[in-house]
Amino acid sequence: MNAFTSKITDQDFIGKLIPQKTPFVMVDSLLHFEEKKVVAGLTISEENIFTHNNEFTAPGLIEHMAQTVALYTGYQFFLKKEDAPTGYIGSIKKAEVFYLPAVGKELTTTVNILHEIMGVTLVTAETMCEGKIIATSEMKTVLAS
């Protein structure tokens, strides 16, 4: 598998890697990719549908984590020259939100893939903002058949 550490911020390319479409896109950069790990970013905008009272909401943080997983899967398929599949959050075992970031802040989420089998991916996710962990989760995503 091709690992890389250069930043991909081309919105058209990111859009091809995930099934979500505007205004529901919660990742705007692919920062790192390797087997079993991905790092994605998002700069929070005022127009984001999960922005409320100048803050990014907890559901937005969870969706950002899930779309980071989707970005991982989409990039895997891109490397195989296949279209990105549609996936769903199968379950969230544990999610903690420590604080809500403000509009204009940049999120960086690291997802570690624990298991991948038959279209089901079990991960841990950690979202940081300004060098602090602001949210963590353990979730399972499932590819549509």
N, C-alpha and C. Protein backbone atom coordinates (compact mmCIF):
# COMPACT_ATOMS: atom_id res chain seq x y z
N MET A 1 0.84 -1.19 0.00
CA MET A 1 0.00 0.00 0.00
C MET A 1 0.88 1.24 0.00
N ASN A 2 0.46 2.24 -0.74
CA ASN A 2 1.24 3.47 -0.85
C ASN A 2 1.00 4.38 0.34
N ALA A 3 2.02 4.63 1.14
CA ALA A 3 1.92 5.58 2.25
C ALA A 3 2.38 6.93 1.73
N PHE A 4 1.83 7.98 2.27
CA PHE A 4 2.31 9.31 1.92
C PHE A 4 2.09 10.24 3.10
N THR A 5 2.81 11.32 3.08
CA THR A 5 2.67 12.29 4.16
C THR A 5 2.49 13.70 3.62
N SER A 6 2.27 13.83 2.30
CA SER A 6 2.02 15.16 1.76
C SER A 6 0.54 15.49 1.89
N LYS A 7 0.23 16.75 1.95
CA LYS A 7 -1.13 17.21 2.20
C LYS A 7 -1.91 17.30 0.89
N ILE A 8 -3.08 16.68 0.84
CA ILE A 8 -3.96 16.80 -0.32
C ILE A 8 -5.14 17.68 0.09
N THR A 9 -5.30 18.80 -0.60
CA THR A 9 -6.37 19.74 -0.25
C THR A 9 -7.29 20.05 -1.42
N ASP A 10 -7.06 19.42 -2.57
CA ASP A 10 -7.90 19.65 -3.75
C ASP A 10 -9.31 19.15 -3.46
N GLN A 11 -10.26 20.08 -3.38
CA GLN A 11 -11.63 19.73 -2.96
C GLN A 11 -12.32 18.80 -3.95
N ASP A 12 -12.04 18.95 -5.25
CA ASP A 12 -12.63 18.04 -6.24
C ASP A 12 -12.13 16.62 -6.02
N PHE A 13 -10.82 16.48 -5.76
CA PHE A 13 -10.24 15.16 -5.54
C PHE A 13 -10.78 14.56 -4.23
N ILE A 14 -10.81 15.35 -3.16
CA ILE A 14 -11.36 14.87 -1.87
C ILE A 14 -12.80 14.41 -2.09
N GLY A 15 -13.55 15.18 -2.86
CA GLY A 15 -14.95 14.84 -3.14
C GLY A 15 -15.13 13.52 -3.86
N LYS A 16 -14.12 13.12 -4.63
CA LYS A 16 -14.20 11.82 -5.33
C LYS A 16 -13.88 10.66 -4.39
N LEU A 17 -13.23 10.95 -3.27
CA LEU A 17 -12.82 9.88 -2.35
C LEU A 17 -13.89 9.53 -1.33
N ILE A 18 -14.85 10.41 -1.12
CA ILE A 18 -15.90 10.16 -0.12
C ILE A 18 -17.27 10.22 -0.80
N PRO A 19 -18.24 9.49 -0.27
CA PRO A 19 -19.57 9.51 -0.89
C PRO A 19 -20.39 10.76 -0.55
N GLN A 20 -20.05 11.47 0.51
CA GLN A 20 -20.81 12.65 0.92
C GLN A 20 -20.61 13.78 -0.08
N LYS A 21 -21.66 14.58 -0.23
CA LYS A 21 -21.61 15.73 -1.13
C LYS A 21 -21.95 16.99 -0.35
N THR A 22 -21.56 18.14 -0.89
CA THR A 22 -21.86 19.44 -0.28
C THR A 22 -23.36 19.54 -0.06
N PRO A 23 -23.85 20.00 1.06
CA PRO A 23 -23.15 20.67 2.16
C PRO A 23 -22.74 19.72 3.29
N PHE A 24 -22.71 18.43 3.02
CA PHE A 24 -22.48 17.46 4.08
C PHE A 24 -21.04 16.95 4.14
N VAL A 25 -20.11 17.65 3.49
CA VAL A 25 -18.70 17.24 3.51
C VAL A 25 -18.04 17.80 4.76
N MET A 26 -17.44 16.91 5.56
CA MET A 26 -16.84 17.30 6.84
C MET A 26 -15.34 17.03 6.88
N VAL A 27 -14.71 16.85 5.72
CA VAL A 27 -13.25 16.74 5.62
C VAL A 27 -12.83 17.62 4.44
N ASP A 28 -11.73 18.36 4.60
CA ASP A 28 -11.27 19.17 3.48
C ASP A 28 -9.80 18.95 3.15
N SER A 29 -9.15 18.02 3.88
CA SER A 29 -7.76 17.70 3.54
C SER A 29 -7.42 16.29 4.00
N LEU A 30 -6.59 15.64 3.20
CA LEU A 30 -6.03 14.34 3.53
C LEU A 30 -4.57 14.61 3.86
N LEU A 31 -4.22 14.47 5.13
CA LEU A 31 -2.90 14.88 5.61
C LEU A 31 -1.87 13.76 5.67
N HIS A 32 -2.36 12.53 5.86
CA HIS A 32 -1.45 11.39 5.99
C HIS A 32 -2.24 10.13 5.69
N PHE A 33 -1.59 9.18 5.02
CA PHE A 33 -2.23 7.90 4.71
C PHE A 33 -1.17 6.82 4.75
N GLU A 34 -1.49 5.76 5.45
CA GLU A 34 -0.66 4.56 5.45
C GLU A 34 -1.56 3.39 5.81
N GLU A 35 -1.03 2.19 5.70
CA GLU A 35 -1.82 1.03 6.07
C GLU A 35 -2.21 1.14 7.54
N LYS A 36 -3.50 1.06 7.80
CA LYS A 36 -4.07 1.07 9.16
C LYS A 36 -4.12 2.45 9.83
N LYS A 37 -3.84 3.53 9.07
CA LYS A 37 -3.88 4.86 9.68
C LYS A 37 -4.15 5.93 8.63
N VAL A 38 -4.94 6.92 9.02
CA VAL A 38 -5.20 8.07 8.16
C VAL A 38 -5.35 9.31 9.04
N VAL A 39 -4.94 10.45 8.50
CA VAL A 39 -5.12 11.72 9.20
C VAL A 39 -5.80 12.67 8.22
N ALA A 40 -6.91 13.27 8.67
CA ALA A 40 -7.66 14.20 7.83
C ALA A 40 -7.85 15.51 8.59
N GLY A 41 -8.14 16.56 7.83
CA GLY A 41 -8.35 17.86 8.43
C GLY A 41 -9.66 18.49 8.00
N LEU A 42 -10.08 19.48 8.77
CA LEU A 42 -11.26 20.28 8.44
C LEU A 42 -11.09 21.65 9.07
N THR A 43 -11.23 22.68 8.25
CA THR A 43 -11.30 24.04 8.78
C THR A 43 -12.77 24.38 8.92
N ILE A 44 -13.19 24.72 10.12
CA ILE A 44 -14.61 24.94 10.40
C ILE A 44 -15.05 26.28 9.82
N SER A 45 -16.09 26.23 9.01
CA SER A 45 -16.61 27.45 8.40
C SER A 45 -17.96 27.81 9.02
N GLU A 46 -18.30 29.06 8.90
CA GLU A 46 -19.58 29.56 9.39
C GLU A 46 -20.74 28.89 8.65
N GLU A 47 -20.51 28.54 7.37
CA GLU A 47 -21.56 27.95 6.54
C GLU A 47 -21.77 26.47 6.83
N ASN A 48 -20.88 25.84 7.59
CA ASN A 48 -20.99 24.41 7.87
C ASN A 48 -22.33 24.12 8.54
N ILE A 49 -23.02 23.06 8.06
CA ILE A 49 -24.35 22.75 8.61
C ILE A 49 -24.29 22.30 10.06
N PHE A 50 -23.12 21.96 10.56
CA PHE A 50 -22.97 21.57 11.97
C PHE A 50 -22.42 22.71 12.83
N THR A 51 -22.38 23.91 12.29
CA THR A 51 -21.95 25.07 13.07
C THR A 51 -23.18 25.72 13.69
N HIS A 52 -23.11 25.97 14.98
CA HIS A 52 -24.22 26.59 15.70
C HIS A 52 -23.64 27.54 16.75
N ASN A 53 -24.14 28.77 16.79
CA ASN A 53 -23.63 29.78 17.74
C ASN A 53 -22.11 29.91 17.68
N ASN A 54 -21.57 29.93 16.47
CA ASN A 54 -20.15 30.13 16.23
C ASN A 54 -19.27 28.97 16.73
N GLU A 55 -19.87 27.79 16.98
CA GLU A 55 -19.13 26.60 17.40
C GLU A 55 -19.51 25.43 16.51
N PHE A 56 -18.58 24.50 16.38
CA PHE A 56 -18.83 23.25 15.67
C PHE A 56 -19.44 22.29 16.68
N THR A 57 -20.56 21.67 16.36
CA THR A 57 -21.30 20.85 17.32
C THR A 57 -20.73 19.43 17.47
N ALA A 58 -21.16 18.75 18.52
CA ALA A 58 -20.72 17.37 18.77
C ALA A 58 -21.11 16.44 17.61
N PRO A 59 -22.34 16.51 17.07
CA PRO A 59 -22.64 15.65 15.91
C PRO A 59 -21.71 15.92 14.73
N GLY A 60 -21.29 17.17 14.56
CA GLY A 60 -20.34 17.50 13.50
C GLY A 60 -19.00 16.83 13.73
N LEU A 61 -18.55 16.80 14.98
CA LEU A 61 -17.29 16.13 15.30
C LEU A 61 -17.36 14.64 15.00
N ILE A 62 -18.48 14.01 15.36
CA ILE A 62 -18.67 12.57 15.10
C ILE A 62 -18.69 12.32 13.60
N GLU A 63 -19.41 13.15 12.86
CA GLU A 63 -19.48 12.99 11.40
C GLU A 63 -18.10 13.23 10.77
N HIS A 64 -17.36 14.19 11.29
CA HIS A 64 -15.99 14.43 10.79
C HIS A 64 -15.12 13.18 10.99
N MET A 65 -15.25 12.53 12.14
CA MET A 65 -14.50 11.30 12.39
C MET A 65 -14.91 10.21 11.41
N ALA A 66 -16.21 10.05 11.21
CA ALA A 66 -16.70 9.01 10.30
C ALA A 66 -16.24 9.29 8.86
N GLN A 67 -16.23 10.55 8.46
CA GLN A 67 -15.79 10.87 7.11
C GLN A 67 -14.28 10.71 6.95
N THR A 68 -13.55 10.79 8.05
CA THR A 68 -12.12 10.49 8.01
C THR A 68 -11.93 9.02 7.67
N VAL A 69 -12.77 8.15 8.24
CA VAL A 69 -12.74 6.73 7.89
C VAL A 69 -13.10 6.55 6.41
N ALA A 70 -14.13 7.27 5.96
CA ALA A 70 -14.54 7.20 4.56
C ALA A 70 -13.40 7.63 3.63
N LEU A 71 -12.65 8.64 4.06
CA LEU A 71 -11.52 9.12 3.27
C LEU A 71 -10.44 8.03 3.16
N TYR A 72 -10.22 7.33 4.25
CA TYR A 72 -9.27 6.22 4.25
C TYR A 72 -9.69 5.16 3.22
N THR A 73 -10.95 4.76 3.31
CA THR A 73 -11.48 3.74 2.41
C THR A 73 -11.45 4.23 0.97
N GLY A 74 -11.88 5.48 0.77
CA GLY A 74 -11.90 6.05 -0.58
C GLY A 74 -10.53 6.12 -1.20
N TYR A 75 -9.52 6.46 -0.40
CA TYR A 75 -8.17 6.53 -0.94
C TYR A 75 -7.64 5.13 -1.26
N GLN A 76 -8.00 4.14 -0.45
CA GLN A 76 -7.63 2.75 -0.75
C GLN A 76 -8.18 2.36 -2.12
N PHE A 77 -9.46 2.68 -2.36
CA PHE A 77 -10.10 2.33 -3.63
C PHE A 77 -9.47 3.12 -4.78
N PHE A 78 -9.12 4.40 -4.55
CA PHE A 78 -8.45 5.21 -5.56
C PHE A 78 -7.14 4.55 -5.98
N LEU A 79 -6.37 4.04 -5.02
CA LEU A 79 -5.11 3.38 -5.34
C LEU A 79 -5.32 2.13 -6.19
N LYS A 80 -6.50 1.49 -6.03
CA LYS A 80 -6.84 0.31 -6.83
C LYS A 80 -7.55 0.70 -8.13
N LYS A 81 -7.66 2.03 -8.37
CA LYS A 81 -8.34 2.58 -9.54
C LYS A 81 -9.81 2.16 -9.60
N GLU A 82 -10.45 2.17 -8.42
CA GLU A 82 -11.88 1.86 -8.31
C GLU A 82 -12.60 3.04 -7.68
N ASP A 83 -13.90 3.14 -7.93
CA ASP A 83 -14.71 4.21 -7.35
C ASP A 83 -14.88 4.00 -5.85
N ALA A 84 -14.94 5.11 -5.12
CA ALA A 84 -15.15 5.05 -3.66
C ALA A 84 -16.53 4.48 -3.36
N PRO A 85 -16.61 3.56 -2.42
CA PRO A 85 -17.90 2.97 -2.07
C PRO A 85 -18.66 3.85 -1.07
N THR A 86 -19.95 3.60 -0.96
CA THR A 86 -20.76 4.25 0.06
C THR A 86 -20.67 3.42 1.33
N GLY A 87 -20.58 4.09 2.47
CA GLY A 87 -20.52 3.39 3.75
C GLY A 87 -21.40 4.09 4.76
N TYR A 88 -21.58 3.44 5.88
CA TYR A 88 -22.43 3.94 6.94
C TYR A 88 -21.75 3.75 8.28
N ILE A 89 -22.13 4.57 9.25
CA ILE A 89 -21.69 4.33 10.62
C ILE A 89 -22.52 3.15 11.12
N GLY A 90 -21.84 2.04 11.43
CA GLY A 90 -22.54 0.86 11.93
C GLY A 90 -22.84 0.98 13.40
N SER A 91 -21.86 1.49 14.14
CA SER A 91 -22.07 1.71 15.58
C SER A 91 -20.98 2.64 16.11
N ILE A 92 -21.33 3.29 17.19
CA ILE A 92 -20.36 4.10 17.93
C ILE A 92 -20.33 3.51 19.33
N LYS A 93 -19.21 2.90 19.67
CA LYS A 93 -19.10 2.22 20.96
C LYS A 93 -18.85 3.23 22.07
N LYS A 94 -18.00 4.19 21.78
CA LYS A 94 -17.63 5.16 22.81
C LYS A 94 -17.28 6.46 22.09
N ALA A 95 -17.86 7.55 22.54
CA ALA A 95 -17.51 8.86 21.99
C ALA A 95 -17.46 9.86 23.13
N GLU A 96 -16.40 10.63 23.17
CA GLU A 96 -16.28 11.68 24.17
C GLU A 96 -15.92 12.98 23.47
N VAL A 97 -16.63 14.03 23.82
CA VAL A 97 -16.33 15.36 23.29
C VAL A 97 -15.93 16.22 24.48
N PHE A 98 -14.71 16.74 24.45
CA PHE A 98 -14.19 17.49 25.58
C PHE A 98 -14.47 18.98 25.46
N TYR A 99 -14.45 19.51 24.24
CA TYR A 99 -14.93 20.87 24.03
C TYR A 99 -15.22 21.09 22.56
N LEU A 100 -16.05 22.11 22.29
CA LEU A 100 -16.46 22.42 20.93
C LEU A 100 -15.60 23.54 20.36
N PRO A 101 -14.99 23.29 19.20
CA PRO A 101 -14.13 24.31 18.60
C PRO A 101 -14.94 25.42 17.92
N ALA A 102 -14.35 26.57 17.81
CA ALA A 102 -15.00 27.73 17.21
C ALA A 102 -14.80 27.76 15.70
N VAL A 103 -15.65 28.54 15.03
CA VAL A 103 -15.52 28.78 13.60
C VAL A 103 -14.12 29.31 13.32
N GLY A 104 -13.52 28.84 12.24
CA GLY A 104 -12.18 29.27 11.85
C GLY A 104 -11.07 28.36 12.35
N LYS A 105 -11.37 27.51 13.32
CA LYS A 105 -10.36 26.59 13.85
C LYS A 105 -10.17 25.42 12.89
N GLU A 106 -8.97 24.84 12.97
CA GLU A 106 -8.66 23.69 12.13
C GLU A 106 -8.63 22.42 12.97
N LEU A 107 -9.37 21.42 12.52
CA LEU A 107 -9.40 20.12 13.18
C LEU A 107 -8.44 19.17 12.46
N THR A 108 -7.80 18.32 13.24
CA THR A 108 -6.98 17.25 12.69
C THR A 108 -7.41 15.97 13.37
N THR A 109 -7.85 15.02 12.57
CA THR A 109 -8.33 13.76 13.13
C THR A 109 -7.48 12.61 12.65
N THR A 110 -7.01 11.82 13.61
CA THR A 110 -6.22 10.62 13.33
C THR A 110 -7.11 9.41 13.60
N VAL A 111 -7.22 8.56 12.60
CA VAL A 111 -7.99 7.33 12.72
C VAL A 111 -7.02 6.17 12.60
N ASN A 112 -7.08 5.28 13.57
CA ASN A 112 -6.31 4.04 13.52
C ASN A 112 -7.27 2.90 13.27
N ILE A 113 -6.97 2.11 12.24
CA ILE A 113 -7.83 0.99 11.87
C ILE A 113 -7.42 -0.20 12.72
N LEU A 114 -8.37 -0.70 13.52
CA LEU A 114 -8.10 -1.85 14.38
C LEU A 114 -8.33 -3.16 13.64
N HIS A 115 -9.46 -3.23 12.90
CA HIS A 115 -9.81 -4.44 12.13
C HIS A 115 -10.57 -4.03 10.88
N GLU A 116 -10.32 -4.75 9.81
CA GLU A 116 -11.07 -4.59 8.56
C GLU A 116 -11.39 -5.97 8.05
N ILE A 117 -12.68 -6.29 7.94
CA ILE A 117 -13.05 -7.59 7.40
C ILE A 117 -14.43 -7.51 6.75
N MET A 118 -14.50 -7.98 5.52
CA MET A 118 -15.76 -8.06 4.77
C MET A 118 -16.56 -6.74 4.78
N GLY A 119 -15.88 -5.64 4.54
CA GLY A 119 -16.56 -4.36 4.43
C GLY A 119 -16.87 -3.68 5.76
N VAL A 120 -16.46 -4.29 6.86
CA VAL A 120 -16.67 -3.69 8.18
C VAL A 120 -15.31 -3.22 8.70
N THR A 121 -15.26 -1.98 9.13
CA THR A 121 -14.00 -1.41 9.63
C THR A 121 -14.21 -0.92 11.06
N LEU A 122 -13.40 -1.40 11.99
CA LEU A 122 -13.44 -0.98 13.39
C LEU A 122 -12.26 -0.05 13.61
N VAL A 123 -12.53 1.15 14.15
CA VAL A 123 -11.49 2.16 14.29
C VAL A 123 -11.54 2.85 15.64
N THR A 124 -10.43 3.51 15.97
CA THR A 124 -10.42 4.51 17.02
C THR A 124 -10.10 5.83 16.33
N ALA A 125 -10.69 6.90 16.84
CA ALA A 125 -10.47 8.22 16.25
C ALA A 125 -10.18 9.23 17.35
N GLU A 126 -9.29 10.17 17.02
CA GLU A 126 -8.92 11.22 17.97
C GLU A 126 -8.85 12.53 17.19
N THR A 127 -9.63 13.50 17.62
CA THR A 127 -9.65 14.80 16.96
C THR A 127 -8.94 15.82 17.83
N MET A 128 -8.04 16.57 17.18
CA MET A 128 -7.27 17.60 17.88
C MET A 128 -7.57 18.97 17.29
N CYS A 129 -7.44 19.98 18.13
CA CYS A 129 -7.57 21.37 17.71
C CYS A 129 -6.58 22.17 18.54
N GLU A 130 -5.73 22.92 17.87
CA GLU A 130 -4.72 23.73 18.55
C GLU A 130 -3.87 22.91 19.51
N GLY A 131 -3.52 21.70 19.10
CA GLY A 131 -2.63 20.85 19.90
C GLY A 131 -3.28 20.13 21.06
N LYS A 132 -4.62 20.25 21.20
CA LYS A 132 -5.32 19.59 22.31
C LYS A 132 -6.31 18.57 21.75
N ILE A 133 -6.44 17.44 22.45
CA ILE A 133 -7.45 16.46 22.08
C ILE A 133 -8.81 17.03 22.47
N ILE A 134 -9.73 17.14 21.48
CA ILE A 134 -11.05 17.68 21.79
C ILE A 134 -12.15 16.64 21.71
N ALA A 135 -11.86 15.49 21.05
CA ALA A 135 -12.87 14.43 20.96
C ALA A 135 -12.19 13.11 20.62
N THR A 136 -12.79 12.02 21.11
CA THR A 136 -12.31 10.68 20.78
C THR A 136 -13.53 9.79 20.54
N SER A 137 -13.32 8.73 19.79
CA SER A 137 -14.40 7.77 19.61
C SER A 137 -13.84 6.44 19.16
N GLU A 138 -14.69 5.44 19.30
CA GLU A 138 -14.44 4.12 18.73
C GLU A 138 -15.69 3.82 17.93
N MET A 139 -15.52 3.55 16.64
CA MET A 139 -16.70 3.32 15.83
C MET A 139 -16.46 2.20 14.82
N LYS A 140 -17.57 1.72 14.31
CA LYS A 140 -17.55 0.70 13.29
C LYS A 140 -18.25 1.27 12.08
N THR A 141 -17.61 1.18 10.91
CA THR A 141 -18.27 1.61 9.68
C THR A 141 -18.48 0.37 8.82
N VAL A 142 -19.52 0.45 7.99
CA VAL A 142 -19.91 -0.69 7.15
C VAL A 142 -20.09 -0.19 5.73
N LEU A 143 -19.49 -0.92 4.77
CA LEU A 143 -19.68 -0.57 3.37
C LEU A 143 -21.02 -1.09 2.90
N ALA A 144 -21.70 -0.29 2.07
CA ALA A 144 -22.96 -0.73 1.48
C ALA A 144 -22.66 -1.85 0.50
N SER A 145 -23.56 -2.79 0.41
CA SER A 145 -23.29 -3.92 -0.51
C SER A 145 -23.89 -3.69 -1.86
